[in-house]
């Protein structure tokens, strides 16, 4: 492999690598999408993860590999704000790994607010 190039010969860090692999060979339905954002700085890792999650089905998992230390706080805040689940986080040899489970789609008939709509609004009254 050439330095500064991915295993496919594409320049890094400008290439985001998405790959599907089985997380457990005994469970054929369990799979993850791998997003490689190593070398990218805030806010790009979270923005790329958001783009990937939008194209995934509810419940699917996204594993993000990053090197920016700010990604730790960024992914915690991102998942809390959007309703996705940060189910694992680790670091090995300076590479951070985040596993995010995509949130379920909101039920169209539901009156439950989404994660962004949770702030309370005082009722307004009009006096005559």
C-alpha atoms as a PDB file:
ATOM      1  CA  UNK A   1       0.000   0.000   0.000  1.00  0.00           C
ATOM      2  CA  UNK A   2       1.314   3.471  -0.887  1.00  0.00           C
ATOM      3  CA  UNK A   3       1.653   5.994   1.958  1.00  0.00           C
ATOM      4  CA  UNK A   4      -1.189   8.494   1.885  1.00  0.00           C
ATOM      5  CA  UNK A   5      -3.367   6.150  -0.167  1.00  0.00           C
ATOM      6  CA  UNK A   6      -6.124   3.739   0.809  1.00  0.00           C
ATOM      7  CA  UNK A   7      -5.889   0.020   0.105  1.00  0.00           C
ATOM      8  CA  UNK A   8      -7.731   0.785  -3.149  1.00  0.00           C
ATOM      9  CA  UNK A   9      -5.131   3.366  -4.186  1.00  0.00           C
ATOM     10  CA  UNK A  10      -7.361   6.370  -3.494  1.00  0.00           C
ATOM     11  CA  UNK A  11      -5.920   9.466  -1.742  1.00  0.00           C
ATOM     12  CA  UNK A  12      -6.446   9.821   2.007  1.00  0.00           C
ATOM     13  CA  UNK A  13      -7.989  11.539   4.008  1.00  0.00           C
ATOM     14  CA  UNK A  14     -10.248  12.780   1.226  1.00  0.00           C
ATOM     15  CA  UNK A  15     -11.804   9.374   0.720  1.00  0.00           C
ATOM     16  CA  UNK A  16     -14.377   8.018   3.117  1.00  0.00           C
ATOM     17  CA  UNK A  17     -14.315   4.252   3.049  1.00  0.00           C
ATOM     18  CA  UNK A  18     -17.639   2.503   3.494  1.00  0.00           C
ATOM     19  CA  UNK A  19     -17.565  -1.257   3.726  1.00  0.00           C
ATOM     20  CA  UNK A  20     -20.071  -3.874   4.837  1.00  0.00           C
ATOM     21  CA  UNK A  21     -18.863  -6.785   6.895  1.00  0.00           C
ATOM     22  CA  UNK A  22     -20.375  -9.375   9.183  1.00  0.00           C
ATOM     23  CA  UNK A  23     -19.866  -8.565  12.853  1.00  0.00           C
ATOM     24  CA  UNK A  24     -20.475 -12.188  13.885  1.00  0.00           C
ATOM     25  CA  UNK A  25     -20.084 -15.131  11.496  1.00  0.00           C
ATOM     26  CA  UNK A  26     -22.705 -17.085  13.482  1.00  0.00           C
ATOM     27  CA  UNK A  27     -25.361 -14.418  12.951  1.00  0.00           C
ATOM     28  CA  UNK A  28     -25.777 -13.812   9.226  1.00  0.00           C
ATOM     29  CA  UNK A  29     -28.196 -10.890   9.775  1.00  0.00           C
ATOM     30  CA  UNK A  30     -25.786  -8.914  11.986  1.00  0.00           C
ATOM     31  CA  UNK A  31     -23.735  -6.517   9.907  1.00  0.00           C
ATOM     32  CA  UNK A  32     -22.056  -3.170  10.303  1.00  0.00           C
ATOM     33  CA  UNK A  33     -21.150  -0.401   7.950  1.00  0.00           C
ATOM     34  CA  UNK A  34     -17.591   0.836   8.387  1.00  0.00           C
ATOM     35  CA  UNK A  35     -16.879   4.549   7.948  1.00  0.00           C
ATOM     36  CA  UNK A  36     -13.197   5.501   7.900  1.00  0.00           C
ATOM     37  CA  UNK A  37     -12.708   9.203   8.671  1.00  0.00           C
ATOM     38  CA  UNK A  38      -9.161   8.939  10.022  1.00  0.00           C
ATOM     39  CA  UNK A  39      -7.260  12.177   9.470  1.00  0.00           C
ATOM     40  CA  UNK A  40     -10.396  14.313   9.238  1.00  0.00           C
ATOM     41  CA  UNK A  41     -10.965  17.086  11.777  1.00  0.00           C
ATOM     42  CA  UNK A  42     -14.099  18.302  13.520  1.00  0.00           C
ATOM     43  CA  UNK A  43     -16.853  18.575  12.327  1.00  0.00           C
ATOM     44  CA  UNK A  44     -16.241  16.291   9.324  1.00  0.00           C
ATOM     45  CA  UNK A  45     -16.345  12.904  11.155  1.00  0.00           C
ATOM     46  CA  UNK A  46     -19.810  13.639  12.580  1.00  0.00           C
ATOM     47  CA  UNK A  47     -21.087  15.114   9.305  1.00  0.00           C
ATOM     48  CA  UNK A  48     -19.945  12.041   7.351  1.00  0.00           C
ATOM     49  CA  UNK A  49     -21.457   9.722   9.958  1.00  0.00           C
ATOM     50  CA  UNK A  50     -24.754  11.603   9.774  1.00  0.00           C
ATOM     51  CA  UNK A  51     -24.787  11.224   5.980  1.00  0.00           C
ATOM     52  CA  UNK A  52     -24.137   7.479   6.286  1.00  0.00           C
ATOM     53  CA  UNK A  53     -26.777   6.977   8.981  1.00  0.00           C
ATOM     54  CA  UNK A  54     -29.423   8.683   6.857  1.00  0.00           C
ATOM     55  CA  UNK A  55     -29.007   6.028   4.170  1.00  0.00           C
ATOM     56  CA  UNK A  56     -29.194   3.119   6.632  1.00  0.00           C
ATOM     57  CA  UNK A  57     -32.220   1.217   7.889  1.00  0.00           C
ATOM     58  CA  UNK A  58     -33.366   1.654  11.506  1.00  0.00           C
ATOM     59  CA  UNK A  59     -31.388  -0.565  13.883  1.00  0.00           C
ATOM     60  CA  UNK A  60     -28.395  -0.956  11.563  1.00  0.00           C
ATOM     61  CA  UNK A  61     -24.969  -0.286  13.001  1.00  0.00           C
ATOM     62  CA  UNK A  62     -22.298   2.132  11.827  1.00  0.00           C
ATOM     63  CA  UNK A  63     -18.695   1.738  13.002  1.00  0.00           C
ATOM     64  CA  UNK A  64     -16.724   4.982  12.655  1.00  0.00           C
ATOM     65  CA  UNK A  65     -12.916   5.026  12.762  1.00  0.00           C
ATOM     66  CA  UNK A  66     -11.480   8.462  13.592  1.00  0.00           C
ATOM     67  CA  UNK A  67      -8.240  10.005  14.826  1.00  0.00           C
ATOM     68  CA  UNK A  68      -9.519  13.425  15.949  1.00  0.00           C
ATOM     69  CA  UNK A  69      -9.752  13.450  19.773  1.00  0.00           C
ATOM     70  CA  UNK A  70     -12.632  15.943  19.559  1.00  0.00           C
ATOM     71  CA  UNK A  71     -14.709  13.146  18.010  1.00  0.00           C
ATOM     72  CA  UNK A  72     -15.270  11.656  21.482  1.00  0.00           C
ATOM     73  CA  UNK A  73     -17.335  14.596  22.712  1.00  0.00           C
ATOM     74  CA  UNK A  74     -18.753  15.211  19.229  1.00  0.00           C
ATOM     75  CA  UNK A  75     -20.212  11.708  18.824  1.00  0.00           C
ATOM     76  CA  UNK A  76     -21.602  11.670  22.374  1.00  0.00           C
ATOM     77  CA  UNK A  77     -23.397  14.971  21.734  1.00  0.00           C
ATOM     78  CA  UNK A  78     -24.477  13.948  18.224  1.00  0.00           C
ATOM     79  CA  UNK A  79     -26.088  10.723  19.450  1.00  0.00           C
ATOM     80  CA  UNK A  80     -27.778  12.427  22.374  1.00  0.00           C
ATOM     81  CA  UNK A  81     -29.182  15.134  20.095  1.00  0.00           C
ATOM     82  CA  UNK A  82     -30.347  12.873  17.253  1.00  0.00           C
ATOM     83  CA  UNK A  83     -31.584   9.818  19.151  1.00  0.00           C
ATOM     84  CA  UNK A  84     -29.047   7.398  17.655  1.00  0.00           C
ATOM     85  CA  UNK A  85     -27.434   5.051  20.188  1.00  0.00           C
ATOM     86  CA  UNK A  86     -23.687   5.194  20.845  1.00  0.00           C
ATOM     87  CA  UNK A  87     -23.317   1.559  21.859  1.00  0.00           C
ATOM     88  CA  UNK A  88     -19.517   1.192  21.943  1.00  0.00           C
ATOM     89  CA  UNK A  89     -16.433   3.353  21.964  1.00  0.00           C
ATOM     90  CA  UNK A  90     -12.783   2.268  22.086  1.00  0.00           C
ATOM     91  CA  UNK A  91      -9.280   3.365  21.158  1.00  0.00           C
ATOM     92  CA  UNK A  92      -6.400   1.339  19.791  1.00  0.00           C
ATOM     93  CA  UNK A  93      -3.066   2.743  18.579  1.00  0.00           C
ATOM     94  CA  UNK A  94      -4.495   6.263  18.363  1.00  0.00           C
ATOM     95  CA  UNK A  95      -7.538   5.222  16.313  1.00  0.00           C
ATOM     96  CA  UNK A  96     -10.908   5.854  17.924  1.00  0.00           C
ATOM     97  CA  UNK A  97     -13.728   3.435  17.136  1.00  0.00           C
ATOM     98  CA  UNK A  98     -17.391   4.354  17.652  1.00  0.00           C
ATOM     99  CA  UNK A  99     -20.316   1.979  17.079  1.00  0.00           C
ATOM    100  CA  UNK A 100     -23.615   3.781  16.507  1.00  0.00           C
ATOM    101  CA  UNK A 101     -27.011   2.095  16.122  1.00  0.00           C
ATOM    102  CA  UNK A 102     -29.398   4.033  13.883  1.00  0.00           C
ATOM    103  CA  UNK A 103     -32.517   5.196  15.682  1.00  0.00           C
ATOM    104  CA  UNK A 104     -35.922   3.849  14.694  1.00  0.00           C
ATOM    105  CA  UNK A 105     -37.917   5.958  12.284  1.00  0.00           C
ATOM    106  CA  UNK A 106     -40.615   7.977  14.039  1.00  0.00           C
ATOM    107  CA  UNK A 107     -44.103   6.525  13.770  1.00  0.00           C
ATOM    108  CA  UNK A 108     -46.012   8.834  11.366  1.00  0.00           C
ATOM    109  CA  UNK A 109     -49.184   8.575  13.490  1.00  0.00           C
ATOM    110  CA  UNK A 110     -47.361   9.169  16.762  1.00  0.00           C
ATOM    111  CA  UNK A 111     -47.705  12.353  18.757  1.00  0.00           C
ATOM    112  CA  UNK A 112     -44.376  11.715  20.497  1.00  0.00           C
ATOM    113  CA  UNK A 113     -41.844  14.474  19.881  1.00  0.00           C
ATOM    114  CA  UNK A 114     -38.513  13.668  18.296  1.00  0.00           C
ATOM    115  CA  UNK A 115     -35.220  14.229  20.150  1.00  0.00           C
ATOM    116  CA  UNK A 116     -34.999  17.844  18.954  1.00  0.00           C
ATOM    117  CA  UNK A 117     -38.613  18.683  19.861  1.00  0.00           C
ATOM    118  CA  UNK A 118     -38.395  17.903  23.574  1.00  0.00           C
ATOM    119  CA  UNK A 119     -38.200  21.420  24.996  1.00  0.00           C
ATOM    120  CA  UNK A 120     -41.322  22.508  26.793  1.00  0.00           C
ATOM    121  CA  UNK A 121     -43.241  25.499  25.562  1.00  0.00           C
ATOM    122  CA  UNK A 122     -45.417  27.397  27.987  1.00  0.00           C
ATOM    123  CA  UNK A 123     -49.068  27.519  26.962  1.00  0.00           C
ATOM    124  CA  UNK A 124     -50.183  30.875  25.711  1.00  0.00           C
ATOM    125  CA  UNK A 125     -53.352  32.472  26.926  1.00  0.00           C
ATOM    126  CA  UNK A 126     -55.156  35.336  25.401  1.00  0.00           C
ATOM    127  CA  UNK A 127     -57.135  37.590  27.672  1.00  0.00           C
ATOM    128  CA  UNK A 128     -60.140  39.439  26.395  1.00  0.00           C
END
